Structure formats: C-alpha cells, structure tokens
Amino acid sequence: MNQEAIYINNEQIPQEAVLSWEYKRLKVNYKRLKRISTGAISNDFNKWQAERNIDKMREALLSIKMNLGMADLKSKLSNQYKLGNLISVIAVKLSFGRRKFSEVDFYIR
C-alpha cells in the first residue's frame, strides 16, 4: 500500500489526524450535496458515518455527484461559489495590503 506522509512546518502530521480532517470534510459535503440533490440518496451514509468508514463515505459522495452530473452540480453550487469569491474580494480589500502568502512543496517518490 502507498504510504503518504503529510508535513506542515516540517512537522509530520499523523495519518489519523488527516483521516479525522477528511471525515469532517465528508460529513459537511454530504449535507451540502444532500440538500441540492434531486435524486434518491442512499441512507447508508449515516451507517458509514457511525462506523467512520471513510472509503464508503467517499463512494457515497461520488455516487451523488455522478447522479447530479457535472452541469447540474456546477449550476447548483454556483451561488455558493460566487458568495465565496465575493467574501474573498472583501477580505483582500479589508487587509489593506497586509496579506500573507503560503508556500506548498510537493515531493513525489
């Protein structure tokens, strides 16, 4: 199996912390997709959430996205996208040039 290591500020982040973050992200995305989906959604997600089965949760989200289709997904998420961009523009203007930049290095073996 492919072992991945995540480092932030030269400190290795434990795999459990990464999976915990992804678990939270999957829950939030499921709620958002469930709200905008017009088709039937499997109730198994709640079971997998209780079991913390991240692989099955990923599959469920993929299934919802595939059922929505790219065009429908884009149109339904466009308002959230526009709001996010508006907030970013406002934040940049309120920073008065005191923004911080980040740097990301990817090392692939």
N, C-alpha and C. Protein backbone atom coordinates (compact mmCIF):
# COMPACT_ATOMS: atom_id res chain seq x y z
N MET A 1 0.83 -1.19 0.00
CA MET A 1 0.00 0.00 0.00
C MET A 1 0.88 1.25 0.00
N ASN A 2 0.43 2.27 -0.65
CA ASN A 2 1.17 3.51 -0.77
C ASN A 2 1.09 4.30 0.54
N GLN A 3 2.23 4.52 1.18
CA GLN A 3 2.27 5.30 2.41
C GLN A 3 2.52 6.75 2.05
N GLU A 4 1.67 7.62 2.51
CA GLU A 4 1.82 9.04 2.27
C GLU A 4 2.18 9.72 3.57
N ALA A 5 2.99 10.72 3.49
CA ALA A 5 3.35 11.50 4.66
C ALA A 5 3.01 12.95 4.39
N ILE A 6 2.36 13.57 5.34
CA ILE A 6 1.97 14.97 5.24
C ILE A 6 2.81 15.74 6.25
N TYR A 7 3.41 16.83 5.78
CA TYR A 7 4.22 17.67 6.66
C TYR A 7 3.69 19.10 6.62
N ILE A 8 3.60 19.71 7.79
CA ILE A 8 3.26 21.13 7.90
C ILE A 8 4.31 21.74 8.80
N ASN A 9 4.96 22.81 8.30
CA ASN A 9 6.07 23.44 9.02
C ASN A 9 7.13 22.42 9.41
N ASN A 10 7.46 21.54 8.48
CA ASN A 10 8.47 20.50 8.67
C ASN A 10 8.13 19.51 9.79
N GLU A 11 6.88 19.44 10.17
CA GLU A 11 6.43 18.50 11.20
C GLU A 11 5.46 17.52 10.56
N GLN A 12 5.74 16.23 10.72
CA GLN A 12 4.88 15.22 10.12
C GLN A 12 3.55 15.16 10.85
N ILE A 13 2.48 15.20 10.08
CA ILE A 13 1.13 15.12 10.63
C ILE A 13 0.71 13.66 10.65
N PRO A 14 0.24 13.15 11.78
CA PRO A 14 -0.15 11.74 11.86
C PRO A 14 -1.29 11.42 10.89
N GLN A 15 -1.27 10.23 10.33
CA GLN A 15 -2.29 9.81 9.38
C GLN A 15 -3.68 9.90 10.01
N GLU A 16 -3.79 9.62 11.29
CA GLU A 16 -5.09 9.69 11.97
C GLU A 16 -5.65 11.11 11.96
N ALA A 17 -4.79 12.10 12.09
CA ALA A 17 -5.23 13.50 12.04
C ALA A 17 -5.75 13.85 10.65
N VAL A 18 -5.08 13.35 9.63
CA VAL A 18 -5.51 13.60 8.25
C VAL A 18 -6.87 12.94 8.01
N LEU A 19 -7.01 11.70 8.47
CA LEU A 19 -8.28 10.99 8.28
C LEU A 19 -9.41 11.65 9.07
N SER A 20 -9.10 12.17 10.24
CA SER A 20 -10.10 12.87 11.04
C SER A 20 -10.58 14.13 10.32
N TRP A 21 -9.63 14.86 9.73
CA TRP A 21 -9.99 16.05 8.95
C TRP A 21 -10.86 15.67 7.77
N GLU A 22 -10.48 14.60 7.06
CA GLU A 22 -11.26 14.18 5.90
C GLU A 22 -12.65 13.72 6.30
N TYR A 23 -12.76 13.04 7.42
CA TYR A 23 -14.06 12.59 7.92
C TYR A 23 -14.99 13.79 8.12
N LYS A 24 -14.49 14.85 8.74
CA LYS A 24 -15.29 16.06 8.95
C LYS A 24 -15.68 16.69 7.62
N ARG A 25 -14.73 16.73 6.68
CA ARG A 25 -15.00 17.30 5.36
C ARG A 25 -16.07 16.52 4.63
N LEU A 26 -16.02 15.19 4.71
CA LEU A 26 -17.00 14.35 4.05
C LEU A 26 -18.40 14.57 4.62
N LYS A 27 -18.50 14.73 5.94
CA LYS A 27 -19.80 14.99 6.56
C LYS A 27 -20.41 16.30 6.07
N VAL A 28 -19.59 17.34 6.00
CA VAL A 28 -20.07 18.65 5.55
C VAL A 28 -20.50 18.57 4.07
N ASN A 29 -19.68 17.94 3.26
CA ASN A 29 -20.01 17.84 1.84
C ASN A 29 -21.27 17.01 1.61
N TYR A 30 -21.45 15.96 2.40
CA TYR A 30 -22.65 15.14 2.27
C TYR A 30 -23.90 15.97 2.56
N LYS A 31 -23.86 16.77 3.62
CA LYS A 31 -25.02 17.61 3.95
C LYS A 31 -25.32 18.59 2.81
N ARG A 32 -24.28 19.19 2.25
CA ARG A 32 -24.46 20.14 1.16
C ARG A 32 -25.04 19.44 -0.07
N LEU A 33 -24.47 18.30 -0.43
CA LEU A 33 -24.95 17.58 -1.61
C LEU A 33 -26.35 17.01 -1.41
N LYS A 34 -26.64 16.58 -0.21
CA LYS A 34 -27.98 16.05 0.08
C LYS A 34 -29.03 17.14 -0.09
N ARG A 35 -28.68 18.35 0.29
CA ARG A 35 -29.58 19.49 0.19
C ARG A 35 -29.88 19.84 -1.27
N ILE A 36 -28.89 19.73 -2.13
CA ILE A 36 -29.10 20.16 -3.52
C ILE A 36 -29.48 19.02 -4.46
N SER A 37 -29.38 17.78 -3.99
CA SER A 37 -29.66 16.64 -4.86
C SER A 37 -31.15 16.47 -5.07
N THR A 38 -31.51 16.12 -6.31
CA THR A 38 -32.91 15.89 -6.64
C THR A 38 -33.24 14.41 -6.69
N GLY A 39 -32.22 13.57 -6.78
CA GLY A 39 -32.43 12.13 -6.89
C GLY A 39 -32.43 11.44 -5.53
N ALA A 40 -32.62 10.14 -5.59
CA ALA A 40 -32.61 9.35 -4.36
C ALA A 40 -31.19 9.24 -3.83
N ILE A 41 -31.06 9.35 -2.51
CA ILE A 41 -29.77 9.25 -1.85
C ILE A 41 -29.82 8.08 -0.88
N SER A 42 -28.81 7.26 -0.93
CA SER A 42 -28.73 6.10 -0.03
C SER A 42 -28.63 6.56 1.42
N ASN A 43 -29.37 5.89 2.28
CA ASN A 43 -29.29 6.19 3.71
C ASN A 43 -28.12 5.49 4.37
N ASP A 44 -27.36 4.73 3.61
CA ASP A 44 -26.21 4.02 4.15
C ASP A 44 -25.12 4.98 4.64
N PHE A 45 -25.13 6.21 4.15
CA PHE A 45 -24.09 7.16 4.55
C PHE A 45 -24.08 7.33 6.06
N ASN A 46 -25.25 7.39 6.67
CA ASN A 46 -25.32 7.55 8.13
C ASN A 46 -24.68 6.37 8.85
N LYS A 47 -24.89 5.17 8.30
CA LYS A 47 -24.27 3.97 8.89
C LYS A 47 -22.75 4.04 8.76
N TRP A 48 -22.28 4.42 7.57
CA TRP A 48 -20.84 4.50 7.35
C TRP A 48 -20.23 5.62 8.18
N GLN A 49 -20.99 6.68 8.38
CA GLN A 49 -20.52 7.78 9.22
C GLN A 49 -20.33 7.29 10.66
N ALA A 50 -21.29 6.53 11.16
CA ALA A 50 -21.19 6.00 12.53
C ALA A 50 -20.00 5.06 12.65
N GLU A 51 -19.71 4.32 11.58
CA GLU A 51 -18.58 3.39 11.58
C GLU A 51 -17.26 4.08 11.24
N ARG A 52 -17.34 5.35 10.85
CA ARG A 52 -16.18 6.12 10.38
C ARG A 52 -15.49 5.43 9.20
N ASN A 53 -16.31 4.87 8.30
CA ASN A 53 -15.82 4.18 7.12
C ASN A 53 -15.62 5.21 6.00
N ILE A 54 -14.45 5.80 5.96
CA ILE A 54 -14.16 6.90 5.04
C ILE A 54 -14.24 6.45 3.59
N ASP A 55 -13.79 5.25 3.28
CA ASP A 55 -13.85 4.78 1.90
C ASP A 55 -15.28 4.71 1.39
N LYS A 56 -16.18 4.17 2.20
CA LYS A 56 -17.59 4.07 1.80
C LYS A 56 -18.23 5.46 1.72
N MET A 57 -17.83 6.36 2.62
CA MET A 57 -18.35 7.72 2.59
C MET A 57 -17.92 8.42 1.29
N ARG A 58 -16.67 8.21 0.89
CA ARG A 58 -16.19 8.78 -0.38
C ARG A 58 -17.01 8.25 -1.55
N GLU A 59 -17.25 6.94 -1.55
CA GLU A 59 -18.03 6.32 -2.63
C GLU A 59 -19.44 6.90 -2.69
N ALA A 60 -20.06 7.11 -1.53
CA ALA A 60 -21.41 7.66 -1.50
C ALA A 60 -21.44 9.07 -2.09
N LEU A 61 -20.45 9.90 -1.74
CA LEU A 61 -20.40 11.25 -2.30
C LEU A 61 -20.17 11.22 -3.80
N LEU A 62 -19.30 10.34 -4.24
CA LEU A 62 -19.06 10.20 -5.67
C LEU A 62 -20.35 9.80 -6.39
N SER A 63 -21.09 8.90 -5.81
CA SER A 63 -22.35 8.46 -6.42
C SER A 63 -23.34 9.62 -6.54
N ILE A 64 -23.44 10.42 -5.50
CA ILE A 64 -24.34 11.59 -5.56
C ILE A 64 -23.90 12.54 -6.66
N LYS A 65 -22.61 12.81 -6.72
CA LYS A 65 -22.08 13.73 -7.74
C LYS A 65 -22.32 13.19 -9.14
N MET A 66 -22.11 11.89 -9.32
CA MET A 66 -22.33 11.29 -10.65
C MET A 66 -23.80 11.36 -11.04
N ASN A 67 -24.70 11.14 -10.07
CA ASN A 67 -26.13 11.22 -10.36
C ASN A 67 -26.57 12.64 -10.71
N LEU A 68 -25.94 13.62 -10.07
CA LEU A 68 -26.26 15.01 -10.39
C LEU A 68 -25.75 15.39 -11.78
N GLY A 69 -24.60 14.91 -12.13
CA GLY A 69 -23.98 15.28 -13.40
C GLY A 69 -23.21 16.58 -13.26
N MET A 70 -22.23 16.75 -14.10
CA MET A 70 -21.34 17.91 -14.00
C MET A 70 -22.09 19.23 -14.17
N ALA A 71 -22.95 19.33 -15.18
CA ALA A 71 -23.64 20.59 -15.44
C ALA A 71 -24.57 20.96 -14.29
N ASP A 72 -25.31 19.98 -13.79
CA ASP A 72 -26.24 20.24 -12.69
C ASP A 72 -25.49 20.59 -11.42
N LEU A 73 -24.41 19.90 -11.17
CA LEU A 73 -23.59 20.16 -9.98
C LEU A 73 -23.03 21.58 -10.03
N LYS A 74 -22.52 21.98 -11.18
CA LYS A 74 -21.97 23.33 -11.32
C LYS A 74 -23.04 24.39 -11.12
N SER A 75 -24.21 24.18 -11.72
CA SER A 75 -25.25 25.21 -11.61
C SER A 75 -25.77 25.32 -10.19
N LYS A 76 -25.88 24.21 -9.48
CA LYS A 76 -26.41 24.25 -8.12
C LYS A 76 -25.41 24.80 -7.11
N LEU A 77 -24.13 24.67 -7.40
CA LEU A 77 -23.11 25.18 -6.49
C LEU A 77 -22.61 26.57 -6.87
N SER A 78 -23.10 27.11 -7.98
CA SER A 78 -22.58 28.39 -8.47
C SER A 78 -22.83 29.53 -7.50
N ASN A 79 -23.98 29.55 -6.82
CA ASN A 79 -24.24 30.64 -5.87
C ASN A 79 -23.27 30.60 -4.70
N GLN A 80 -22.97 29.41 -4.20
CA GLN A 80 -22.01 29.29 -3.10
C GLN A 80 -20.62 29.72 -3.58
N TYR A 81 -20.29 29.36 -4.81
CA TYR A 81 -19.00 29.75 -5.40
C TYR A 81 -18.91 31.27 -5.50
N LYS A 82 -19.97 31.90 -6.00
CA LYS A 82 -19.98 33.36 -6.16
C LYS A 82 -19.88 34.06 -4.80
N LEU A 83 -20.59 33.54 -3.81
CA LEU A 83 -20.53 34.11 -2.46
C LEU A 83 -19.11 33.99 -1.89
N GLY A 84 -18.49 32.84 -2.07
CA GLY A 84 -17.11 32.65 -1.60
C GLY A 84 -16.15 33.61 -2.25
N ASN A 85 -16.30 33.82 -3.54
CA ASN A 85 -15.43 34.78 -4.25
C ASN A 85 -15.66 36.20 -3.75
N LEU A 86 -16.93 36.57 -3.51
CA LEU A 86 -17.24 37.90 -3.01
C LEU A 86 -16.59 38.13 -1.64
N ILE A 87 -16.69 37.13 -0.78
CA ILE A 87 -16.08 37.24 0.55
C ILE A 87 -14.56 37.38 0.43
N SER A 88 -13.96 36.65 -0.51
CA SER A 88 -12.50 36.75 -0.72
C SER A 88 -12.11 38.15 -1.17
N VAL A 89 -12.88 38.73 -2.09
CA VAL A 89 -12.59 40.08 -2.58
C VAL A 89 -12.69 41.09 -1.43
N ILE A 90 -13.72 40.95 -0.62
CA ILE A 90 -13.89 41.86 0.52
C ILE A 90 -12.73 41.70 1.50
N ALA A 91 -12.33 40.47 1.78
CA ALA A 91 -11.22 40.22 2.71
C ALA A 91 -9.93 40.83 2.20
N VAL A 92 -9.68 40.75 0.90
CA VAL A 92 -8.47 41.34 0.31
C VAL A 92 -8.50 42.85 0.48
N LYS A 93 -9.65 43.46 0.23
CA LYS A 93 -9.75 44.93 0.37
C LYS A 93 -9.58 45.36 1.82
N LEU A 94 -10.11 44.57 2.75
CA LEU A 94 -10.00 44.91 4.17
C LEU A 94 -8.61 44.64 4.74
N SER A 95 -7.79 43.89 4.02
CA SER A 95 -6.45 43.59 4.53
C SER A 95 -5.49 44.76 4.32
N PHE A 96 -5.86 45.71 3.46
CA PHE A 96 -5.04 46.89 3.18
C PHE A 96 -3.60 46.52 2.83
N GLY A 97 -3.45 45.45 2.06
CA GLY A 97 -2.13 45.03 1.59
C GLY A 97 -1.34 44.19 2.58
N ARG A 98 -1.91 43.87 3.72
CA ARG A 98 -1.18 43.10 4.73
C ARG A 98 -1.54 41.61 4.61
N ARG A 99 -1.45 41.08 3.44
CA ARG A 99 -1.80 39.68 3.25
C ARG A 99 -0.59 38.80 3.48
N LYS A 100 -0.86 37.56 3.82
CA LYS A 100 0.21 36.57 3.99
C LYS A 100 0.12 35.59 2.83
N PHE A 101 1.25 35.12 2.43
CA PHE A 101 1.31 34.15 1.35
C PHE A 101 1.80 32.83 1.90
N SER A 102 1.35 31.79 1.30
CA SER A 102 1.80 30.47 1.74
C SER A 102 2.57 29.79 0.62
N GLU A 103 3.36 28.84 1.02
CA GLU A 103 4.16 28.09 0.06
C GLU A 103 3.92 26.61 0.29
N VAL A 104 3.73 25.90 -0.78
CA VAL A 104 3.47 24.46 -0.69
C VAL A 104 4.48 23.73 -1.57
N ASP A 105 5.12 22.74 -1.00
CA ASP A 105 6.06 21.89 -1.75
C ASP A 105 5.49 20.49 -1.78
N PHE A 106 5.46 19.91 -2.95
CA PHE A 106 5.03 18.52 -3.11
C PHE A 106 6.25 17.69 -3.50
N TYR A 107 6.47 16.63 -2.77
CA TYR A 107 7.55 15.70 -3.08
C TYR A 107 6.91 14.35 -3.40
N ILE A 108 7.13 13.91 -4.60
CA ILE A 108 6.54 12.63 -5.04
C ILE A 108 7.67 11.66 -5.31
N ARG A 109 7.55 10.47 -4.72
CA ARG A 109 8.60 9.46 -4.91
C ARG A 109 8.12 8.42 -5.89
